[in-house]
Amino acid sequence: MRGDGVDALVSAFRIFIQGNTLNTLFKRALCAAALGLLTASAHADSASAAANFFGNAEKAGIDIGDLDPAHALVTPTLVKGLYATYNASGKLMGVINEAGTLYGKAGVFSTLGPKPGSLRLMTPAEVGELRAEVMAHLAYDKLIKVTYGNGGGRKILTFSSVDCRTCFIHETELVQATSTLNTTFYIAPASLRGLENRGLALMEQVARIMCEDKPGVAWQKFWATREAPPAKPCALSAQSVHRDTEALSSIMAGVKSMIQAVPMFIAEDGSPVPKNFNLDMTPEVADTMFGAARKRVAIAPTTHWLAAAKRKS
């Protein structure tokens, strides 16, 4: 959908990014992930992140509002070293690091230290450092990989929604540019409706796509036929995929990588790739936006904000 329709889609996606109160099934899925589906090391890291964050908040005299340490659930995100926090209702409250010195919420990241006091907004320079670390620690292998041509050596992070007409147009236009395009998209899928607003069935289709041996092929076939592959045993679910994309959206908004567009594209260095939705995706336009020659050089990150917490002896 173009023109006025984009604004409506963007507004809906903003609601999705900000997080929804999750249904009981999702809450159960979160608990299952925390109790049975995570590895032992993930358990330890999540527990360490929670203990450090709430400990730092208490020392600083900071009220985290609806995030009660006694009932909060902390789970890993698609960025190694960052963890999503959920309140007792199952609502995404924010994102923290393992050291417990970061808190990301509502599109901004704040730091807890080093001195006691209120949360301090990260400076632009600090956000840039965190952005570089996020891009270096992003689990691309857990996203839907769609390759055109030889891939162009590219890693374009894409937020797309299966009930987004603009996304449908984008996918259709890319197919038309296939003969000349060399690029790779890593897709974080979602539904603009959210799980509570008729989005559960759509996300179940997404989970079936991601459970395929070749999810990228299944993704392209879905847009061509509007049909997902049959369900089969898989560790992913509609709830877990929704959770991962929701948290990743919050992270990318916090490091200032998002733009007001659906779908959203983020280059290798964490900078947004703007798309003119009123411009047809000719092979020339596609190459200008996504081609190998347009690859951004990723900033060499330090390991600071996402460093593992120091273990007490």
Protein backbone atom coordinates (compact mmCIF):
# COMPACT_ATOMS: atom_id res chain seq x y z
CA MET A 1 0.00 0.00 0.00
CA ARG A 2 1.41 3.37 -0.98
CA GLY A 3 0.61 7.00 -0.25
CA ASP A 4 -1.82 7.42 2.62
CA GLY A 5 -1.84 3.69 3.28
CA VAL A 6 1.79 3.75 4.40
CA ASP A 7 0.96 6.02 7.33
CA ALA A 8 -1.64 3.58 8.61
CA LEU A 9 0.78 0.68 8.30
CA VAL A 10 3.54 2.57 10.03
CA SER A 11 1.21 3.49 12.89
CA ALA A 12 0.21 -0.15 13.28
CA PHE A 13 3.83 -1.27 13.23
CA ARG A 14 4.69 1.30 15.87
CA ILE A 15 2.07 -0.27 18.11
CA PHE A 16 3.63 -3.65 17.41
CA ILE A 17 7.12 -2.38 18.25
CA GLN A 18 6.01 -0.85 21.52
CA GLY A 19 4.74 -4.24 22.63
CA ASN A 20 1.38 -5.71 23.35
CA THR A 21 -0.11 -7.40 26.39
CA LEU A 22 0.35 -11.02 25.42
CA ASN A 23 -2.26 -13.72 25.60
CA THR A 24 -2.13 -16.65 27.98
CA LEU A 25 -0.73 -18.95 25.32
CA PHE A 26 2.18 -16.58 24.76
CA LYS A 27 2.84 -16.36 28.49
CA ARG A 28 3.01 -20.13 28.65
CA ALA A 29 5.39 -20.16 25.70
CA LEU A 30 7.65 -17.68 27.46
CA CYS A 31 7.68 -19.79 30.59
CA ALA A 32 8.40 -22.90 28.54
CA ALA A 33 11.31 -21.14 26.89
CA ALA A 34 12.68 -20.08 30.24
CA LEU A 35 12.20 -23.49 31.84
CA GLY A 36 12.79 -26.01 29.08
CA LEU A 37 13.89 -24.70 25.73
CA LEU A 38 16.91 -22.62 26.66
CA THR A 39 20.38 -24.08 27.07
CA ALA A 40 22.06 -24.17 30.46
CA SER A 41 24.32 -21.27 29.46
CA ALA A 42 21.33 -19.22 28.37
CA HIS A 43 19.72 -19.86 31.75
CA ALA A 44 22.85 -18.62 33.47
CA ASP A 45 23.18 -15.53 31.29
CA SER A 46 19.52 -14.57 31.69
CA ALA A 47 19.72 -15.05 35.44
CA SER A 48 22.92 -13.03 35.58
CA ALA A 49 21.38 -10.21 33.54
CA ALA A 50 18.30 -10.09 35.76
CA ALA A 51 20.29 -10.17 39.00
CA ASN A 52 22.69 -7.47 37.82
CA PHE A 53 19.99 -5.18 36.44
CA PHE A 54 17.68 -5.30 39.43
CA GLY A 55 20.65 -5.10 41.79
CA ASN A 56 21.96 -1.98 40.04
CA ALA A 57 18.48 -0.44 39.98
CA GLU A 58 18.06 -1.02 43.70
CA LYS A 59 21.47 0.48 44.50
CA ALA A 60 20.65 3.53 42.38
CA GLY A 61 17.22 3.90 43.96
CA ILE A 62 15.48 3.57 40.60
CA ASP A 63 11.84 2.51 40.27
CA ILE A 64 11.36 0.38 37.15
CA GLY A 65 7.61 0.77 37.41
CA ASP A 66 5.62 -2.28 36.33
CA LEU A 67 8.70 -4.50 36.22
CA ASP A 68 8.64 -6.42 39.49
CA PRO A 69 11.85 -8.40 40.17
CA ALA A 70 9.85 -11.12 41.91
CA HIS A 71 7.71 -11.83 38.85
CA ALA A 72 9.74 -10.56 35.87
CA LEU A 73 10.77 -12.96 33.14
CA VAL A 74 14.10 -12.35 31.39
CA THR A 75 14.90 -14.16 28.13
CA PRO A 76 17.67 -13.94 25.48
CA THR A 77 17.02 -11.91 22.32
CA LEU A 78 18.35 -12.31 18.80
CA VAL A 79 21.27 -10.10 19.81
CA LYS A 80 23.81 -11.99 21.89
CA GLY A 81 24.28 -10.13 25.15
CA LEU A 82 20.89 -8.43 25.23
CA TYR A 83 17.85 -9.78 27.08
CA ALA A 84 14.14 -8.97 26.94
CA THR A 85 12.27 -8.32 30.18
CA TYR A 86 8.57 -9.12 30.61
CA ASN A 87 6.29 -8.18 33.47
CA ALA A 88 3.87 -10.50 35.23
CA SER A 89 1.27 -9.86 32.50
CA GLY A 90 3.65 -11.04 29.78
CA LYS A 91 4.18 -7.55 28.36
CA LEU A 92 7.59 -6.60 26.95
CA MET A 93 8.92 -3.96 29.32
CA GLY A 94 12.40 -3.31 28.00
CA VAL A 95 15.78 -4.70 27.02
CA ILE A 96 18.81 -5.07 29.28
CA ASN A 97 22.40 -6.26 28.94
CA GLU A 98 24.06 -8.94 31.03
CA ALA A 99 25.99 -6.43 33.13
CA GLY A 100 22.70 -4.79 34.07
CA THR A 101 23.94 -1.35 33.02
CA LEU A 102 21.53 -0.80 30.11
CA TYR A 103 17.78 -0.40 29.87
CA GLY A 104 16.13 0.08 26.50
CA LYS A 105 12.49 1.09 26.29
CA ALA A 106 10.23 3.19 24.01
CA GLY A 107 12.93 3.71 21.41
CA VAL A 108 15.70 4.89 23.73
CA PHE A 109 18.52 3.28 25.70
CA SER A 110 19.55 4.52 29.12
CA THR A 111 22.43 3.56 31.36
CA LEU A 112 22.37 2.80 35.07
CA GLY A 113 25.79 3.85 36.02
CA PRO A 114 28.32 4.12 37.15
CA LYS A 115 27.12 6.49 39.89
CA PRO A 116 23.83 6.08 41.78
CA GLY A 117 20.93 8.14 40.56
CA SER A 118 18.23 8.15 37.93
CA LEU A 119 18.50 6.48 34.57
CA ARG A 120 20.69 8.52 32.21
CA LEU A 121 19.98 8.65 28.50
CA MET A 122 22.88 7.33 26.45
CA THR A 123 24.79 9.98 24.54
CA PRO A 124 24.77 9.85 20.70
CA ALA A 125 28.33 8.53 20.83
CA GLU A 126 27.33 5.75 23.23
CA VAL A 127 24.35 4.85 21.07
CA GLY A 128 26.72 4.58 18.11
CA GLU A 129 28.97 2.23 20.06
CA LEU A 130 26.01 0.10 21.07
CA ARG A 131 24.67 0.05 17.49
CA ALA A 132 27.99 -1.32 16.21
CA GLU A 133 27.97 -4.01 18.89
CA VAL A 134 24.36 -4.94 18.13
CA MET A 135 25.08 -5.42 14.42
CA ALA A 136 28.15 -7.54 15.24
CA HIS A 137 26.22 -9.74 17.68
CA LEU A 138 23.00 -10.16 15.69
CA ALA A 139 21.99 -13.80 15.15
CA TYR A 140 21.45 -13.57 11.40
CA ASP A 141 21.27 -17.37 11.22
CA LYS A 142 17.98 -17.29 13.16
CA LEU A 143 16.28 -15.02 10.63
CA ILE A 144 14.79 -15.84 7.21
CA LYS A 145 17.58 -15.59 4.66
CA VAL A 146 16.56 -14.66 1.11
CA THR A 147 19.34 -14.48 -1.45
CA TYR A 148 19.23 -12.88 -4.87
CA GLY A 149 21.93 -13.68 -7.39
CA ASN A 150 25.21 -14.40 -5.63
CA GLY A 151 24.10 -12.55 -2.51
CA GLY A 152 26.38 -9.60 -3.13
CA GLY A 153 28.08 -10.19 0.19
CA ARG A 154 25.26 -8.24 1.77
CA LYS A 155 23.43 -8.56 5.09
CA ILE A 156 20.34 -6.37 4.96
CA LEU A 157 18.20 -6.73 8.06
CA THR A 158 14.54 -6.45 7.04
CA PHE A 159 11.42 -6.07 9.16
CA SER A 160 8.45 -7.31 7.18
CA SER A 161 4.84 -8.14 7.97
CA VAL A 162 2.78 -10.85 6.32
CA ASP A 163 -0.36 -8.68 6.40
CA CYS A 164 1.33 -5.62 4.91
CA ARG A 165 0.32 -4.72 1.35
CA THR A 166 3.44 -2.63 0.89
CA CYS A 167 5.52 -5.69 1.80
CA PHE A 168 3.63 -7.68 -0.84
CA ILE A 169 4.43 -5.03 -3.45
CA HIS A 170 8.07 -5.02 -2.37
CA GLU A 171 8.38 -8.81 -2.68
CA THR A 172 6.70 -8.76 -6.09
CA GLU A 173 9.01 -6.04 -7.38
CA LEU A 174 12.11 -7.84 -6.15
CA VAL A 175 11.12 -10.90 -8.15
CA GLN A 176 10.91 -8.68 -11.22
CA ALA A 177 14.47 -7.48 -10.56
CA THR A 178 15.86 -10.96 -9.91
CA SER A 179 17.86 -11.18 -13.14
CA THR A 180 20.19 -8.35 -12.16
CA LEU A 181 20.03 -8.12 -8.36
CA ASN A 182 22.78 -9.46 -6.12
CA THR A 183 21.90 -9.04 -2.47
CA THR A 184 20.83 -10.87 0.69
CA PHE A 185 17.97 -10.03 3.01
CA TYR A 186 17.68 -11.36 6.57
CA ILE A 187 14.03 -11.05 7.49
CA ALA A 188 12.50 -10.59 10.93
CA PRO A 189 8.83 -11.42 10.25
CA ALA A 190 5.78 -10.07 12.02
CA SER A 191 2.09 -9.31 11.74
CA LEU A 192 0.90 -5.73 12.00
CA ARG A 193 -2.14 -6.95 13.93
CA GLY A 194 -0.26 -8.37 16.90
CA LEU A 195 -1.20 -11.63 18.58
CA GLU A 196 -4.16 -10.11 20.38
CA ASN A 197 -5.71 -8.67 17.23
CA ARG A 198 -6.18 -11.66 14.90
CA GLY A 199 -2.44 -11.95 14.28
CA LEU A 200 -1.94 -15.35 15.91
CA ALA A 201 -3.04 -17.36 12.86
CA LEU A 202 -0.77 -15.29 10.63
CA MET A 203 2.21 -15.82 12.93
CA GLU A 204 1.50 -19.55 12.94
CA GLN A 205 2.00 -19.44 9.17
CA VAL A 206 5.26 -17.54 9.68
CA ALA A 207 6.48 -20.16 12.15
CA ARG A 208 5.74 -22.89 9.59
CA ILE A 209 7.78 -20.97 7.01
CA MET A 210 10.72 -20.63 9.40
CA CYS A 211 10.58 -24.33 10.29
CA GLU A 212 11.25 -25.34 6.68
CA ASP A 213 14.67 -26.61 5.64
CA LYS A 214 14.87 -23.66 3.24
CA PRO A 215 12.84 -20.90 4.91
CA GLY A 216 13.93 -18.32 2.35
CA VAL A 217 12.38 -20.33 -0.46
CA ALA A 218 9.23 -20.88 1.61
CA TRP A 219 9.05 -17.14 2.31
CA GLN A 220 9.15 -16.25 -1.38
CA LYS A 221 6.61 -18.96 -2.19
CA PHE A 222 4.29 -17.58 0.50
CA TRP A 223 4.20 -14.17 -1.18
CA ALA A 224 3.59 -15.78 -4.57
CA THR A 225 0.81 -18.12 -3.44
CA ARG A 226 -0.24 -16.70 -0.04
CA GLU A 227 0.08 -20.20 1.38
CA ALA A 228 2.43 -21.43 4.08
CA PRO A 229 3.89 -24.95 4.10
CA PRO A 230 2.20 -27.65 6.20
CA ALA A 231 2.98 -27.68 9.91
CA LYS A 232 5.66 -30.07 11.13
CA PRO A 233 7.46 -30.67 14.45
CA CYS A 234 9.57 -27.65 15.20
CA ALA A 235 10.93 -25.74 18.19
CA LEU A 236 9.53 -22.46 16.85
CA SER A 237 5.98 -21.28 17.45
CA ALA A 238 3.87 -18.27 16.54
CA GLN A 239 4.53 -16.91 20.02
CA SER A 240 8.30 -17.38 20.00
CA VAL A 241 8.71 -15.81 16.54
CA HIS A 242 6.54 -12.87 17.59
CA ARG A 243 8.57 -12.49 20.77
CA ASP A 244 11.90 -12.49 18.92
CA THR A 245 10.83 -9.93 16.33
CA GLU A 246 9.17 -7.70 18.92
CA ALA A 247 12.33 -7.57 21.05
CA LEU A 248 14.59 -7.06 18.03
CA SER A 249 12.36 -4.21 16.86
CA SER A 250 12.72 -2.57 20.25
CA ILE A 251 16.50 -2.95 20.13
CA MET A 252 16.88 -1.49 16.64
CA ALA A 253 14.60 1.42 17.54
CA GLY A 254 16.76 2.07 20.59
CA VAL A 255 19.99 2.26 18.58
CA LYS A 256 18.33 4.61 16.06
CA SER A 257 18.35 2.20 13.11
CA MET A 258 14.62 2.35 12.32
CA ILE A 259 12.85 4.61 9.85
CA GLN A 260 9.15 5.25 9.29
CA ALA A 261 8.51 2.71 6.56
CA VAL A 262 7.08 -0.76 6.17
CA PRO A 263 8.98 -2.89 5.31
CA MET A 264 12.06 -1.55 7.08
CA PHE A 265 15.63 -2.13 5.90
CA ILE A 266 18.83 -1.81 7.92
CA ALA A 267 22.28 -1.98 6.36
CA GLU A 268 25.38 -3.74 7.64
CA ASP A 269 26.53 -0.72 9.66
CA GLY A 270 23.17 -0.33 11.36
CA SER A 271 22.06 2.64 9.25
CA PRO A 272 18.56 2.62 7.78
CA VAL A 273 18.10 2.02 4.06
CA PRO A 274 15.34 4.40 2.89
CA LYS A 275 12.85 3.21 0.28
CA ASN A 276 10.75 5.49 -1.89
CA PHE A 277 7.41 3.70 -1.87
CA ASN A 278 6.18 5.81 -4.77
CA LEU A 279 9.03 4.67 -7.00
CA ASP A 280 8.68 1.42 -8.97
CA MET A 281 11.33 -1.16 -8.15
CA THR A 282 13.01 -1.38 -11.54
CA PRO A 283 16.24 -3.41 -11.73
CA GLU A 284 18.15 -0.13 -11.67
CA VAL A 285 16.36 1.11 -8.56
CA ALA A 286 16.76 -2.25 -6.83
CA ASP A 287 20.49 -2.25 -7.52
CA THR A 288 20.83 1.33 -6.30
CA MET A 289 19.12 0.48 -3.03
CA PHE A 290 20.25 -3.07 -2.31
CA GLY A 291 23.03 -4.01 -4.74
CA ALA A 292 26.51 -5.21 -3.81
CA ALA A 293 28.07 -1.85 -4.68
CA ARG A 294 25.92 -0.24 -1.98
CA LYS A 295 27.17 -2.46 0.81
CA ARG A 296 27.91 -0.44 3.94
CA VAL A 297 31.13 -1.10 5.80
CA ALA A 298 30.28 -2.37 9.26
CA ILE A 299 31.89 -0.39 12.05
CA ALA A 300 34.41 -2.44 14.00
CA PRO A 301 32.81 -2.71 17.44
CA THR A 302 34.40 -2.67 20.82
CA THR A 303 33.06 -5.21 23.28
CA HIS A 304 31.79 -3.04 26.05
CA TRP A 305 28.01 -2.79 26.38
CA LEU A 306 27.42 -6.41 25.37
CA ALA A 307 30.33 -7.92 27.23
CA ALA A 308 29.57 -10.87 29.47
CA ALA A 309 29.22 -9.92 33.09
CA LYS A 310 32.21 -10.63 35.29
CA ARG A 311 31.62 -13.72 37.36
CA LYS A 312 32.19 -13.61 41.08
CA SER A 313 34.68 -16.16 42.33
